N, C-alpha and C. Protein backbone atom coordinates (compact mmCIF):
# COMPACT_ATOMS: atom_id res chain seq x y z
N MET A 1 -52.58 40.31 -24.33
CA MET A 1 -52.10 39.24 -23.46
C MET A 1 -50.81 38.66 -24.04
N ASN A 2 -49.82 38.43 -23.20
CA ASN A 2 -48.56 37.90 -23.67
C ASN A 2 -48.72 36.47 -24.14
N LEU A 3 -48.04 36.13 -25.22
CA LEU A 3 -48.09 34.77 -25.72
C LEU A 3 -47.20 33.84 -24.92
N ILE A 4 -46.15 34.40 -24.31
CA ILE A 4 -45.28 33.58 -23.48
C ILE A 4 -45.38 34.08 -22.05
N GLN A 5 -45.63 33.14 -21.15
CA GLN A 5 -45.75 33.47 -19.74
C GLN A 5 -44.98 32.43 -18.94
N ASN A 6 -44.35 32.85 -17.87
CA ASN A 6 -43.69 31.89 -17.00
C ASN A 6 -44.73 31.03 -16.31
N ILE A 7 -44.44 29.75 -16.22
CA ILE A 7 -45.44 28.84 -15.68
C ILE A 7 -45.37 28.72 -14.17
N SER A 8 -44.22 29.00 -13.56
CA SER A 8 -44.11 28.95 -12.11
C SER A 8 -42.85 29.68 -11.68
N PRO A 9 -42.78 30.19 -10.46
CA PRO A 9 -41.58 30.89 -10.01
C PRO A 9 -40.34 30.01 -10.04
N ASN A 10 -40.49 28.72 -9.74
CA ASN A 10 -39.33 27.84 -9.68
C ASN A 10 -38.79 27.48 -11.05
N SER A 11 -39.58 27.73 -12.08
CA SER A 11 -39.11 27.42 -13.42
C SER A 11 -38.91 28.67 -14.25
N LEU A 12 -38.67 29.79 -13.56
CA LEU A 12 -38.46 31.06 -14.23
C LEU A 12 -37.36 30.94 -15.28
N GLU A 13 -37.67 31.36 -16.50
CA GLU A 13 -36.75 31.32 -17.63
C GLU A 13 -36.40 29.88 -18.03
N GLN A 14 -37.13 28.90 -17.54
CA GLN A 14 -36.89 27.51 -17.90
C GLN A 14 -38.07 26.92 -18.67
N VAL A 15 -39.27 27.20 -18.22
CA VAL A 15 -40.49 26.72 -18.86
C VAL A 15 -41.43 27.90 -19.07
N ALA A 16 -41.97 28.02 -20.26
CA ALA A 16 -42.94 29.08 -20.55
C ALA A 16 -44.15 28.46 -21.22
N THR A 17 -45.26 29.17 -21.18
CA THR A 17 -46.47 28.70 -21.82
C THR A 17 -46.84 29.62 -22.98
N VAL A 18 -47.49 29.03 -23.97
CA VAL A 18 -48.03 29.81 -25.09
C VAL A 18 -49.49 29.44 -25.25
N GLU A 19 -50.21 30.29 -25.95
CA GLU A 19 -51.65 30.12 -26.05
C GLU A 19 -52.12 29.58 -27.40
N THR A 20 -51.21 29.51 -28.37
CA THR A 20 -51.56 29.00 -29.69
C THR A 20 -50.44 28.12 -30.22
N LEU A 21 -50.79 27.26 -31.16
CA LEU A 21 -49.78 26.42 -31.80
C LEU A 21 -48.75 27.28 -32.51
N GLU A 22 -49.21 28.32 -33.18
CA GLU A 22 -48.32 29.21 -33.93
C GLU A 22 -47.27 29.83 -33.01
N ALA A 23 -47.66 30.12 -31.77
CA ALA A 23 -46.74 30.76 -30.83
C ALA A 23 -45.60 29.84 -30.40
N LEU A 24 -45.74 28.54 -30.66
CA LEU A 24 -44.65 27.62 -30.34
C LEU A 24 -43.41 27.90 -31.19
N LYS A 25 -43.58 28.68 -32.27
CA LYS A 25 -42.43 29.05 -33.09
C LYS A 25 -41.40 29.84 -32.30
N LYS A 26 -41.82 30.45 -31.20
CA LYS A 26 -40.90 31.21 -30.37
C LYS A 26 -39.86 30.30 -29.71
N PHE A 27 -40.09 28.99 -29.78
CA PHE A 27 -39.16 28.04 -29.17
C PHE A 27 -37.75 28.20 -29.71
N THR A 28 -37.62 28.48 -31.00
CA THR A 28 -36.29 28.53 -31.62
C THR A 28 -35.53 29.80 -31.31
N SER A 29 -36.20 30.80 -30.75
CA SER A 29 -35.53 32.08 -30.48
C SER A 29 -35.67 32.56 -29.04
N SER A 30 -36.42 31.85 -28.23
CA SER A 30 -36.71 32.36 -26.89
C SER A 30 -35.63 32.03 -25.86
N ARG A 31 -34.75 31.08 -26.18
CA ARG A 31 -33.72 30.61 -25.25
C ARG A 31 -34.33 29.95 -24.01
N VAL A 32 -35.58 29.60 -24.11
CA VAL A 32 -36.25 28.86 -23.04
C VAL A 32 -36.19 27.38 -23.40
N PRO A 33 -35.70 26.52 -22.51
CA PRO A 33 -35.54 25.11 -22.86
C PRO A 33 -36.83 24.32 -22.99
N ALA A 34 -37.96 24.92 -22.61
CA ALA A 34 -39.23 24.21 -22.75
C ALA A 34 -40.39 25.19 -22.92
N LEU A 35 -41.27 24.85 -23.84
CA LEU A 35 -42.51 25.61 -24.05
C LEU A 35 -43.68 24.64 -23.96
N ILE A 36 -44.76 25.09 -23.35
CA ILE A 36 -45.98 24.29 -23.26
C ILE A 36 -47.11 25.06 -23.93
N TRP A 37 -47.79 24.39 -24.84
CA TRP A 37 -48.97 24.99 -25.47
C TRP A 37 -50.18 24.67 -24.59
N GLN A 38 -50.64 25.66 -23.85
CA GLN A 38 -51.81 25.48 -23.00
C GLN A 38 -53.07 25.59 -23.85
N ARG A 39 -53.85 24.55 -23.84
CA ARG A 39 -55.06 24.54 -24.67
C ARG A 39 -56.15 23.71 -23.98
N SER A 40 -57.34 23.81 -24.50
CA SER A 40 -58.47 23.05 -23.97
C SER A 40 -58.88 22.02 -25.01
N MET A 41 -58.73 20.74 -24.65
CA MET A 41 -59.16 19.68 -25.55
C MET A 41 -60.68 19.57 -25.52
N ASN A 42 -61.25 19.05 -26.60
CA ASN A 42 -62.68 18.81 -26.66
C ASN A 42 -63.08 17.87 -25.52
N PRO A 43 -63.99 18.29 -24.63
CA PRO A 43 -64.34 17.45 -23.47
C PRO A 43 -64.98 16.13 -23.87
N CYS A 44 -65.72 16.11 -24.97
CA CYS A 44 -66.32 14.85 -25.42
C CYS A 44 -65.24 13.88 -25.90
N PHE A 45 -64.23 14.42 -26.60
CA PHE A 45 -63.11 13.58 -27.00
C PHE A 45 -62.38 13.04 -25.79
N GLN A 46 -62.13 13.90 -24.80
CA GLN A 46 -61.37 13.47 -23.63
C GLN A 46 -62.09 12.37 -22.87
N GLU A 47 -63.40 12.49 -22.76
CA GLU A 47 -64.18 11.44 -22.09
C GLU A 47 -64.10 10.14 -22.88
N TRP A 48 -64.16 10.26 -24.20
CA TRP A 48 -64.08 9.07 -25.06
C TRP A 48 -62.76 8.35 -24.89
N ILE A 49 -61.65 9.08 -24.98
CA ILE A 49 -60.35 8.41 -24.94
C ILE A 49 -60.02 7.88 -23.55
N GLU A 50 -60.50 8.55 -22.51
CA GLU A 50 -60.23 8.09 -21.15
C GLU A 50 -60.98 6.79 -20.85
N ASN A 51 -62.10 6.57 -21.53
CA ASN A 51 -62.92 5.39 -21.26
C ASN A 51 -62.78 4.31 -22.33
N LEU A 52 -61.97 4.57 -23.33
CA LEU A 52 -61.78 3.61 -24.41
C LEU A 52 -60.99 2.40 -23.91
N ASN A 53 -61.35 1.22 -24.40
CA ASN A 53 -60.59 0.01 -24.09
C ASN A 53 -59.13 0.25 -24.46
N PHE A 54 -58.24 0.13 -23.49
CA PHE A 54 -56.84 0.50 -23.71
C PHE A 54 -56.19 -0.35 -24.79
N ASP A 55 -56.64 -1.60 -24.92
CA ASP A 55 -56.08 -2.49 -25.93
C ASP A 55 -56.50 -2.11 -27.34
N ASP A 56 -57.46 -1.20 -27.45
CA ASP A 56 -57.90 -0.75 -28.77
C ASP A 56 -57.12 0.46 -29.26
N LEU A 57 -56.05 0.80 -28.55
CA LEU A 57 -55.18 1.89 -28.97
C LEU A 57 -53.86 1.32 -29.46
N PRO A 58 -53.24 1.92 -30.46
CA PRO A 58 -52.01 1.37 -31.03
C PRO A 58 -50.77 1.76 -30.23
N THR A 59 -49.70 1.06 -30.52
CA THR A 59 -48.38 1.46 -30.05
C THR A 59 -47.43 1.33 -31.23
N ALA A 60 -46.55 2.28 -31.41
CA ALA A 60 -45.70 2.27 -32.60
C ALA A 60 -44.45 3.11 -32.36
N ARG A 61 -43.41 2.77 -33.11
CA ARG A 61 -42.17 3.56 -33.14
C ARG A 61 -41.65 3.49 -34.57
N LEU A 62 -41.65 4.61 -35.27
CA LEU A 62 -41.25 4.60 -36.67
C LEU A 62 -40.73 5.96 -37.10
N ILE A 63 -40.01 5.95 -38.22
CA ILE A 63 -39.49 7.17 -38.84
C ILE A 63 -40.22 7.37 -40.16
N LEU A 64 -40.77 8.55 -40.35
CA LEU A 64 -41.53 8.79 -41.57
C LEU A 64 -41.54 10.26 -41.94
N ALA A 65 -41.84 10.52 -43.21
CA ALA A 65 -42.00 11.89 -43.69
C ALA A 65 -43.37 12.41 -43.28
N PRO A 66 -43.49 13.70 -43.02
CA PRO A 66 -44.77 14.25 -42.55
C PRO A 66 -45.96 13.94 -43.46
N TYR A 67 -45.74 13.91 -44.78
CA TYR A 67 -46.86 13.69 -45.69
C TYR A 67 -47.43 12.27 -45.57
N LYS A 68 -46.70 11.37 -44.93
CA LYS A 68 -47.17 10.00 -44.75
C LYS A 68 -47.85 9.77 -43.41
N VAL A 69 -47.90 10.80 -42.59
CA VAL A 69 -48.40 10.62 -41.23
C VAL A 69 -49.86 10.18 -41.20
N ARG A 70 -50.73 10.86 -41.93
CA ARG A 70 -52.16 10.54 -41.84
C ARG A 70 -52.44 9.10 -42.29
N ALA A 71 -51.89 8.71 -43.42
CA ALA A 71 -52.13 7.35 -43.91
C ALA A 71 -51.58 6.32 -42.94
N THR A 72 -50.40 6.60 -42.39
CA THR A 72 -49.80 5.68 -41.43
C THR A 72 -50.64 5.57 -40.17
N LEU A 73 -51.13 6.70 -39.67
CA LEU A 73 -51.98 6.68 -38.48
C LEU A 73 -53.27 5.90 -38.74
N ASN A 74 -53.87 6.10 -39.90
CA ASN A 74 -55.08 5.36 -40.24
C ASN A 74 -54.83 3.86 -40.17
N ASP A 75 -53.70 3.42 -40.72
CA ASP A 75 -53.37 1.99 -40.69
C ASP A 75 -53.15 1.51 -39.25
N LEU A 76 -52.42 2.29 -38.46
CA LEU A 76 -52.12 1.89 -37.08
C LEU A 76 -53.39 1.75 -36.25
N PHE A 77 -54.27 2.73 -36.34
CA PHE A 77 -55.49 2.68 -35.53
C PHE A 77 -56.47 1.64 -36.05
N ASN A 78 -56.47 1.39 -37.36
CA ASN A 78 -57.30 0.32 -37.90
C ASN A 78 -56.84 -1.03 -37.39
N GLU A 79 -55.52 -1.26 -37.42
CA GLU A 79 -54.97 -2.53 -36.96
C GLU A 79 -55.22 -2.74 -35.47
N ALA A 80 -55.23 -1.65 -34.71
CA ALA A 80 -55.47 -1.76 -33.26
C ALA A 80 -56.94 -1.98 -32.94
N GLY A 81 -57.81 -1.73 -33.90
CA GLY A 81 -59.24 -1.90 -33.67
C GLY A 81 -59.89 -0.72 -32.99
N THR A 82 -59.27 0.45 -33.08
CA THR A 82 -59.86 1.65 -32.48
C THR A 82 -61.18 1.98 -33.18
N PRO A 83 -62.26 2.18 -32.42
CA PRO A 83 -63.55 2.49 -33.04
C PRO A 83 -63.48 3.75 -33.89
N ARG A 84 -64.02 3.66 -35.10
CA ARG A 84 -64.04 4.82 -35.98
C ARG A 84 -65.13 5.78 -35.52
N GLY A 85 -64.97 7.03 -35.91
CA GLY A 85 -65.97 8.02 -35.55
C GLY A 85 -65.35 9.40 -35.38
N PRO A 86 -66.13 10.37 -34.97
CA PRO A 86 -65.64 11.75 -34.87
C PRO A 86 -64.52 11.94 -33.85
N HIS A 87 -64.52 11.13 -32.79
CA HIS A 87 -63.49 11.30 -31.77
C HIS A 87 -62.13 10.81 -32.26
N LEU A 88 -62.13 9.71 -33.00
CA LEU A 88 -60.87 9.24 -33.59
C LEU A 88 -60.38 10.23 -34.63
N LYS A 89 -61.29 10.76 -35.43
CA LYS A 89 -60.89 11.77 -36.42
C LYS A 89 -60.27 12.98 -35.73
N TYR A 90 -60.83 13.39 -34.61
CA TYR A 90 -60.29 14.51 -33.84
C TYR A 90 -58.85 14.23 -33.41
N LEU A 91 -58.62 13.01 -32.93
CA LEU A 91 -57.27 12.62 -32.50
C LEU A 91 -56.30 12.60 -33.67
N LEU A 92 -56.70 11.97 -34.77
CA LEU A 92 -55.81 11.89 -35.92
C LEU A 92 -55.49 13.27 -36.49
N ASP A 93 -56.51 14.11 -36.58
CA ASP A 93 -56.28 15.47 -37.08
C ASP A 93 -55.29 16.22 -36.20
N ASP A 94 -55.40 16.01 -34.90
CA ASP A 94 -54.51 16.71 -33.97
C ASP A 94 -53.07 16.23 -34.11
N ILE A 95 -52.88 14.92 -34.20
CA ILE A 95 -51.53 14.38 -34.35
C ILE A 95 -50.91 14.84 -35.67
N VAL A 96 -51.69 14.82 -36.74
CA VAL A 96 -51.18 15.27 -38.04
C VAL A 96 -50.78 16.73 -37.98
N GLN A 97 -51.62 17.56 -37.39
CA GLN A 97 -51.32 18.99 -37.30
C GLN A 97 -50.04 19.24 -36.49
N ILE A 98 -49.92 18.59 -35.36
CA ILE A 98 -48.76 18.79 -34.51
C ILE A 98 -47.49 18.29 -35.19
N THR A 99 -47.59 17.14 -35.86
CA THR A 99 -46.41 16.57 -36.53
C THR A 99 -45.92 17.47 -37.65
N HIS A 100 -46.84 17.96 -38.47
CA HIS A 100 -46.45 18.86 -39.56
C HIS A 100 -45.83 20.14 -39.01
N PHE A 101 -46.41 20.67 -37.96
CA PHE A 101 -45.87 21.89 -37.37
C PHE A 101 -44.46 21.65 -36.82
N PHE A 102 -44.28 20.56 -36.10
CA PHE A 102 -43.00 20.27 -35.47
C PHE A 102 -41.91 20.06 -36.51
N SER A 103 -42.19 19.28 -37.54
CA SER A 103 -41.17 19.03 -38.57
C SER A 103 -40.81 20.32 -39.29
N GLY A 104 -41.80 21.19 -39.51
CA GLY A 104 -41.52 22.47 -40.14
C GLY A 104 -40.70 23.38 -39.25
N LEU A 105 -41.04 23.41 -37.98
CA LEU A 105 -40.30 24.25 -37.03
C LEU A 105 -38.84 23.82 -36.93
N MET A 106 -38.62 22.52 -36.91
CA MET A 106 -37.26 21.99 -36.80
C MET A 106 -36.56 21.89 -38.15
N GLU A 107 -37.30 22.20 -39.23
CA GLU A 107 -36.77 22.07 -40.59
C GLU A 107 -36.23 20.66 -40.82
N ALA A 108 -36.99 19.69 -40.34
CA ALA A 108 -36.60 18.29 -40.44
C ALA A 108 -37.48 17.59 -41.49
N PRO A 109 -36.88 16.93 -42.46
CA PRO A 109 -37.68 16.26 -43.49
C PRO A 109 -38.39 15.00 -43.00
N PHE A 110 -37.95 14.50 -41.83
CA PHE A 110 -38.56 13.31 -41.26
C PHE A 110 -38.75 13.51 -39.76
N VAL A 111 -39.59 12.68 -39.18
CA VAL A 111 -39.75 12.67 -37.73
C VAL A 111 -39.70 11.23 -37.24
N ARG A 112 -39.20 11.07 -36.03
CA ARG A 112 -39.37 9.80 -35.34
C ARG A 112 -40.63 9.93 -34.50
N MET A 113 -41.60 9.10 -34.77
CA MET A 113 -42.86 9.14 -34.05
C MET A 113 -42.99 7.92 -33.14
N ARG A 114 -43.30 8.19 -31.90
CA ARG A 114 -43.61 7.12 -30.96
C ARG A 114 -45.02 7.34 -30.45
N ILE A 115 -45.81 6.30 -30.49
CA ILE A 115 -47.10 6.29 -29.83
C ILE A 115 -47.01 5.19 -28.78
N ASP A 116 -47.03 5.59 -27.54
CA ASP A 116 -46.80 4.66 -26.44
C ASP A 116 -48.05 4.48 -25.59
N ARG A 117 -48.37 3.23 -25.29
CA ARG A 117 -49.36 2.91 -24.27
C ARG A 117 -48.58 2.54 -23.01
N ILE A 118 -48.77 3.29 -21.96
CA ILE A 118 -47.92 3.13 -20.78
C ILE A 118 -48.77 2.79 -19.56
N THR A 119 -48.36 1.73 -18.86
CA THR A 119 -49.00 1.34 -17.60
C THR A 119 -47.98 1.14 -16.49
N THR A 120 -46.70 1.39 -16.80
CA THR A 120 -45.62 1.15 -15.85
C THR A 120 -44.88 2.45 -15.57
N ASN A 121 -43.79 2.34 -14.82
CA ASN A 121 -42.96 3.50 -14.52
C ASN A 121 -41.91 3.69 -15.61
N ALA A 122 -42.35 4.01 -16.81
CA ALA A 122 -41.43 4.22 -17.93
C ALA A 122 -40.67 5.53 -17.73
N CYS A 123 -39.34 5.48 -17.87
CA CYS A 123 -38.51 6.70 -17.74
C CYS A 123 -38.87 7.48 -16.48
N LYS A 124 -38.85 6.80 -15.34
CA LYS A 124 -39.28 7.45 -14.10
C LYS A 124 -38.20 8.35 -13.50
N LYS A 125 -36.96 8.26 -14.01
CA LYS A 125 -35.89 9.10 -13.50
C LYS A 125 -35.88 10.44 -14.24
N PHE A 126 -35.68 11.51 -13.50
CA PHE A 126 -35.59 12.83 -14.12
C PHE A 126 -34.33 12.91 -14.97
N HIS A 127 -34.43 13.52 -16.15
CA HIS A 127 -33.32 13.52 -17.09
C HIS A 127 -33.49 14.63 -18.13
N ILE A 128 -32.43 14.82 -18.93
CA ILE A 128 -32.47 15.62 -20.15
C ILE A 128 -32.14 14.68 -21.30
N ASP A 129 -32.91 14.74 -22.37
CA ASP A 129 -32.69 13.83 -23.50
C ASP A 129 -31.46 14.24 -24.31
N CYS A 130 -30.68 13.25 -24.73
CA CYS A 130 -29.49 13.49 -25.54
C CYS A 130 -29.91 13.54 -27.02
N ILE A 131 -30.68 14.56 -27.35
CA ILE A 131 -31.20 14.76 -28.70
C ILE A 131 -31.22 16.26 -28.99
N LEU A 132 -31.67 16.62 -30.19
CA LEU A 132 -31.79 18.04 -30.52
C LEU A 132 -33.00 18.65 -29.82
N SER A 133 -34.14 18.05 -30.03
CA SER A 133 -35.37 18.55 -29.43
C SER A 133 -36.40 17.44 -29.42
N ARG A 134 -37.47 17.65 -28.68
CA ARG A 134 -38.53 16.64 -28.56
C ARG A 134 -39.85 17.31 -28.27
N LEU A 135 -40.91 16.77 -28.84
CA LEU A 135 -42.26 17.20 -28.51
C LEU A 135 -42.99 16.03 -27.86
N ILE A 136 -43.63 16.29 -26.74
CA ILE A 136 -44.37 15.26 -26.01
C ILE A 136 -45.80 15.74 -25.79
N CYS A 137 -46.75 14.90 -26.10
CA CYS A 137 -48.15 15.22 -25.83
C CYS A 137 -48.85 13.98 -25.28
N THR A 138 -49.39 14.09 -24.08
CA THR A 138 -50.12 13.00 -23.45
C THR A 138 -51.60 13.18 -23.72
N TYR A 139 -52.20 12.20 -24.38
CA TYR A 139 -53.63 12.29 -24.70
C TYR A 139 -54.51 11.61 -23.66
N ARG A 140 -53.95 10.70 -22.93
CA ARG A 140 -54.71 9.98 -21.90
C ARG A 140 -53.82 9.78 -20.69
N GLY A 141 -54.39 10.00 -19.51
CA GLY A 141 -53.62 9.83 -18.29
C GLY A 141 -52.81 11.07 -17.94
N PRO A 142 -52.03 10.99 -16.85
CA PRO A 142 -51.25 12.15 -16.41
C PRO A 142 -50.13 12.49 -17.38
N GLY A 143 -49.84 13.78 -17.50
CA GLY A 143 -48.82 14.25 -18.42
C GLY A 143 -47.41 14.15 -17.87
N THR A 144 -46.46 14.57 -18.69
CA THR A 144 -45.04 14.57 -18.32
C THR A 144 -44.81 15.43 -17.09
N GLN A 145 -43.91 14.98 -16.23
CA GLN A 145 -43.54 15.75 -15.04
C GLN A 145 -42.20 16.44 -15.27
N TYR A 146 -42.02 17.61 -14.66
CA TYR A 146 -40.77 18.34 -14.81
C TYR A 146 -40.49 19.16 -13.56
N GLY A 147 -39.25 19.59 -13.45
CA GLY A 147 -38.87 20.40 -12.31
C GLY A 147 -37.44 20.90 -12.46
N ILE A 148 -37.06 21.81 -11.60
CA ILE A 148 -35.72 22.38 -11.61
C ILE A 148 -34.83 21.61 -10.64
N SER A 149 -33.69 21.15 -11.15
CA SER A 149 -32.77 20.35 -10.36
C SER A 149 -31.63 21.20 -9.81
N ASN A 150 -31.25 20.94 -8.59
CA ASN A 150 -30.08 21.57 -7.98
C ASN A 150 -28.98 20.54 -7.84
N ASN A 151 -27.86 20.78 -8.53
CA ASN A 151 -26.70 19.88 -8.46
C ASN A 151 -27.03 18.47 -8.93
N GLY A 152 -27.91 18.37 -9.92
CA GLY A 152 -28.22 17.07 -10.49
C GLY A 152 -29.16 16.23 -9.67
N GLU A 153 -29.67 16.77 -8.59
CA GLU A 153 -30.56 16.00 -7.73
C GLU A 153 -31.99 16.08 -8.23
N GLU A 154 -32.84 15.20 -7.70
CA GLU A 154 -34.25 15.22 -8.08
C GLU A 154 -34.87 16.55 -7.66
N PRO A 155 -35.68 17.14 -8.53
CA PRO A 155 -36.30 18.43 -8.19
C PRO A 155 -37.10 18.38 -6.90
N ASN A 156 -37.03 19.45 -6.14
CA ASN A 156 -37.83 19.54 -4.92
C ASN A 156 -39.30 19.78 -5.25
N ASN A 157 -39.54 20.57 -6.27
CA ASN A 157 -40.90 20.87 -6.69
C ASN A 157 -41.15 20.25 -8.06
N ILE A 158 -42.17 19.41 -8.13
CA ILE A 158 -42.47 18.69 -9.37
C ILE A 158 -43.79 19.18 -9.94
N TYR A 159 -43.78 19.49 -11.23
CA TYR A 159 -44.97 19.98 -11.91
C TYR A 159 -45.37 18.98 -12.99
N THR A 160 -46.65 18.96 -13.31
CA THR A 160 -47.19 18.03 -14.30
C THR A 160 -47.82 18.80 -15.46
N VAL A 161 -47.41 18.46 -16.67
CA VAL A 161 -48.02 19.07 -17.85
C VAL A 161 -49.46 18.58 -17.97
N PRO A 162 -50.42 19.47 -18.15
CA PRO A 162 -51.81 19.05 -18.27
C PRO A 162 -52.01 18.09 -19.45
N THR A 163 -52.88 17.13 -19.27
CA THR A 163 -53.21 16.20 -20.34
C THR A 163 -53.69 16.97 -21.57
N GLY A 164 -53.14 16.61 -22.72
CA GLY A 164 -53.52 17.26 -23.97
C GLY A 164 -52.66 18.44 -24.37
N ASP A 165 -51.81 18.92 -23.45
CA ASP A 165 -50.95 20.08 -23.76
C ASP A 165 -49.61 19.61 -24.33
N PRO A 166 -49.26 19.95 -25.58
CA PRO A 166 -47.95 19.59 -26.12
C PRO A 166 -46.83 20.36 -25.41
N MET A 167 -45.74 19.66 -25.15
CA MET A 167 -44.56 20.26 -24.52
C MET A 167 -43.37 20.13 -25.46
N LEU A 168 -42.74 21.24 -25.79
CA LEU A 168 -41.53 21.26 -26.62
C LEU A 168 -40.33 21.38 -25.71
N LEU A 169 -39.37 20.46 -25.87
CA LEU A 169 -38.18 20.44 -25.03
C LEU A 169 -36.93 20.48 -25.89
N SER A 170 -35.94 21.26 -25.50
CA SER A 170 -34.64 21.19 -26.14
C SER A 170 -33.80 20.14 -25.43
N GLY A 171 -32.99 19.41 -26.22
CA GLY A 171 -32.12 18.41 -25.64
C GLY A 171 -30.70 18.91 -25.51
N THR A 172 -29.81 18.02 -25.14
CA THR A 172 -28.41 18.42 -24.94
C THR A 172 -27.72 18.80 -26.25
N LEU A 173 -28.30 18.41 -27.39
CA LEU A 173 -27.70 18.72 -28.69
C LEU A 173 -28.22 20.01 -29.30
N TRP A 174 -29.09 20.71 -28.57
CA TRP A 174 -29.62 21.97 -29.09
C TRP A 174 -28.49 22.99 -29.22
N PRO A 175 -28.34 23.67 -30.38
CA PRO A 175 -27.23 24.61 -30.58
C PRO A 175 -27.20 25.70 -29.51
N GLY A 176 -26.02 25.87 -28.92
CA GLY A 176 -25.84 26.92 -27.93
C GLY A 176 -26.50 26.65 -26.60
N GLN A 177 -27.03 25.44 -26.44
CA GLN A 177 -27.71 25.13 -25.19
C GLN A 177 -26.70 24.96 -24.07
N SER A 178 -26.83 25.76 -23.04
CA SER A 178 -26.00 25.56 -21.86
C SER A 178 -26.61 24.42 -21.06
N HIS A 179 -25.91 23.98 -20.05
CA HIS A 179 -26.40 22.87 -19.24
C HIS A 179 -27.62 23.33 -18.45
N SER A 180 -28.78 22.94 -18.93
CA SER A 180 -30.02 23.33 -18.29
C SER A 180 -30.25 22.49 -17.04
N ASN A 181 -30.86 23.09 -16.04
CA ASN A 181 -31.22 22.33 -14.85
C ASN A 181 -32.70 21.97 -14.85
N LEU A 182 -33.31 22.09 -16.04
CA LEU A 182 -34.69 21.65 -16.20
C LEU A 182 -34.70 20.16 -16.57
N LEU A 183 -35.28 19.34 -15.72
CA LEU A 183 -35.36 17.91 -15.96
C LEU A 183 -36.82 17.49 -16.11
N HIS A 184 -37.03 16.36 -16.78
CA HIS A 184 -38.39 15.85 -16.94
C HIS A 184 -38.38 14.33 -16.84
N ARG A 185 -39.58 13.77 -16.68
CA ARG A 185 -39.72 12.32 -16.60
C ARG A 185 -41.17 11.94 -16.90
N SER A 186 -41.37 10.64 -17.15
CA SER A 186 -42.73 10.11 -17.20
C SER A 186 -43.21 9.93 -15.77
N PRO A 187 -44.46 10.25 -15.48
CA PRO A 187 -44.94 10.10 -14.11
C PRO A 187 -44.98 8.63 -13.70
N PRO A 188 -44.54 8.30 -12.50
CA PRO A 188 -44.60 6.91 -12.03
C PRO A 188 -46.05 6.50 -11.78
N ILE A 189 -46.52 5.49 -12.49
CA ILE A 189 -47.92 5.09 -12.35
C ILE A 189 -48.08 3.60 -12.05
N ALA A 190 -46.97 2.88 -11.89
CA ALA A 190 -47.06 1.45 -11.60
C ALA A 190 -47.84 1.24 -10.30
N GLY A 191 -48.71 0.23 -10.31
CA GLY A 191 -49.49 -0.06 -9.12
C GLY A 191 -50.74 0.78 -8.98
N THR A 192 -50.99 1.63 -9.95
CA THR A 192 -52.21 2.44 -9.95
C THR A 192 -53.08 1.97 -11.12
N ASP A 193 -54.23 2.55 -11.23
CA ASP A 193 -55.11 2.22 -12.36
C ASP A 193 -54.89 3.16 -13.54
N GLU A 194 -53.87 4.01 -13.44
CA GLU A 194 -53.63 4.99 -14.50
C GLU A 194 -53.09 4.31 -15.76
N LYS A 195 -53.54 4.81 -16.89
CA LYS A 195 -53.04 4.36 -18.20
C LYS A 195 -52.78 5.60 -19.04
N ARG A 196 -51.67 5.59 -19.76
CA ARG A 196 -51.27 6.76 -20.52
C ARG A 196 -51.14 6.44 -22.01
N LEU A 197 -51.63 7.35 -22.84
CA LEU A 197 -51.37 7.31 -24.28
C LEU A 197 -50.56 8.55 -24.61
N VAL A 198 -49.33 8.34 -25.09
CA VAL A 198 -48.39 9.45 -25.25
C VAL A 198 -47.85 9.48 -26.68
N LEU A 199 -47.81 10.67 -27.25
CA LEU A 199 -47.17 10.92 -28.53
C LEU A 199 -45.83 11.59 -28.29
N VAL A 200 -44.77 11.05 -28.90
CA VAL A 200 -43.43 11.63 -28.80
C VAL A 200 -42.88 11.83 -30.21
N LEU A 201 -42.39 13.03 -30.49
CA LEU A 201 -41.83 13.35 -31.80
C LEU A 201 -40.40 13.85 -31.65
N ASP A 202 -39.49 13.32 -32.48
CA ASP A 202 -38.12 13.80 -32.56
C ASP A 202 -37.82 14.18 -34.01
N PRO A 203 -37.04 15.22 -34.25
CA PRO A 203 -36.67 15.57 -35.63
C PRO A 203 -35.62 14.60 -36.16
N ILE A 204 -35.79 14.19 -37.41
CA ILE A 204 -34.83 13.29 -38.05
C ILE A 204 -34.39 13.93 -39.37
N PHE A 205 -33.09 14.01 -39.57
CA PHE A 205 -32.56 14.65 -40.77
C PHE A 205 -32.00 13.64 -41.77
N ASP A 206 -31.57 12.48 -41.29
CA ASP A 206 -31.06 11.43 -42.16
C ASP A 206 -31.56 10.09 -41.63
N PRO A 207 -32.67 9.58 -42.16
CA PRO A 207 -33.23 8.33 -41.63
C PRO A 207 -32.30 7.14 -41.77
N GLU A 208 -31.49 7.10 -42.84
CA GLU A 208 -30.57 5.98 -43.00
C GLU A 208 -29.53 5.96 -41.89
N GLU A 209 -29.06 7.14 -41.50
CA GLU A 209 -28.10 7.22 -40.40
C GLU A 209 -28.75 6.77 -39.10
N GLU A 210 -30.00 7.13 -38.90
CA GLU A 210 -30.71 6.73 -37.69
C GLU A 210 -30.86 5.23 -37.63
N ILE A 211 -31.16 4.61 -38.76
CA ILE A 211 -31.30 3.16 -38.80
C ILE A 211 -29.98 2.49 -38.44
N GLU A 212 -28.86 3.03 -38.95
CA GLU A 212 -27.55 2.46 -38.64
C GLU A 212 -27.24 2.58 -37.15
N LEU A 213 -27.60 3.72 -36.56
CA LEU A 213 -27.30 3.94 -35.15
C LEU A 213 -28.11 3.04 -34.24
N THR A 214 -29.33 2.68 -34.66
CA THR A 214 -30.20 1.88 -33.81
C THR A 214 -30.15 0.40 -34.15
N ALA A 215 -29.42 0.03 -35.19
CA ALA A 215 -29.36 -1.37 -35.60
C ALA A 215 -28.58 -2.20 -34.60
């Protein structure tokens, strides 16, 4: 079975799927602007996180080295009051694994990690990020939406990344990246009962420079 498969006719050569985390390494050589790791999350975990009190989940934006991720996550979830147990361990293990893999793939000594609790129309406009690359994984609620744009317009056909599936995206700063017509956005959920918990990772090569740029 092929590790990379086109996900839809309209996204031919734009979005591909892989079946293992290891296969995401093809991102750096495939010339495909987006890869999705299709996987099956533990159903007991998914039921737990979907029904968890939303206020018991953390929100954070920080730059850190991969070896500090687990300790930092433990502190964040403790401060948020997230119930301890096997389901939280499953979530933390997953975030740690993905973060270490992503930083290694990008050869980045640091990552910018965002853990977002979303109940509004955050980033509802289709866009390409002005960065090198980004990994997005939605653990609760609907996943990232994407589609192929014609002449910069909103895509006619919109697809949604399954909850729990990490999506790797190249940004406008990706070496040799031509102007891709693959756009993505956060799904508009304002006015609904939907709540999203989203992990976003960006590679960081000089944290001091990042601090200066965002100050």
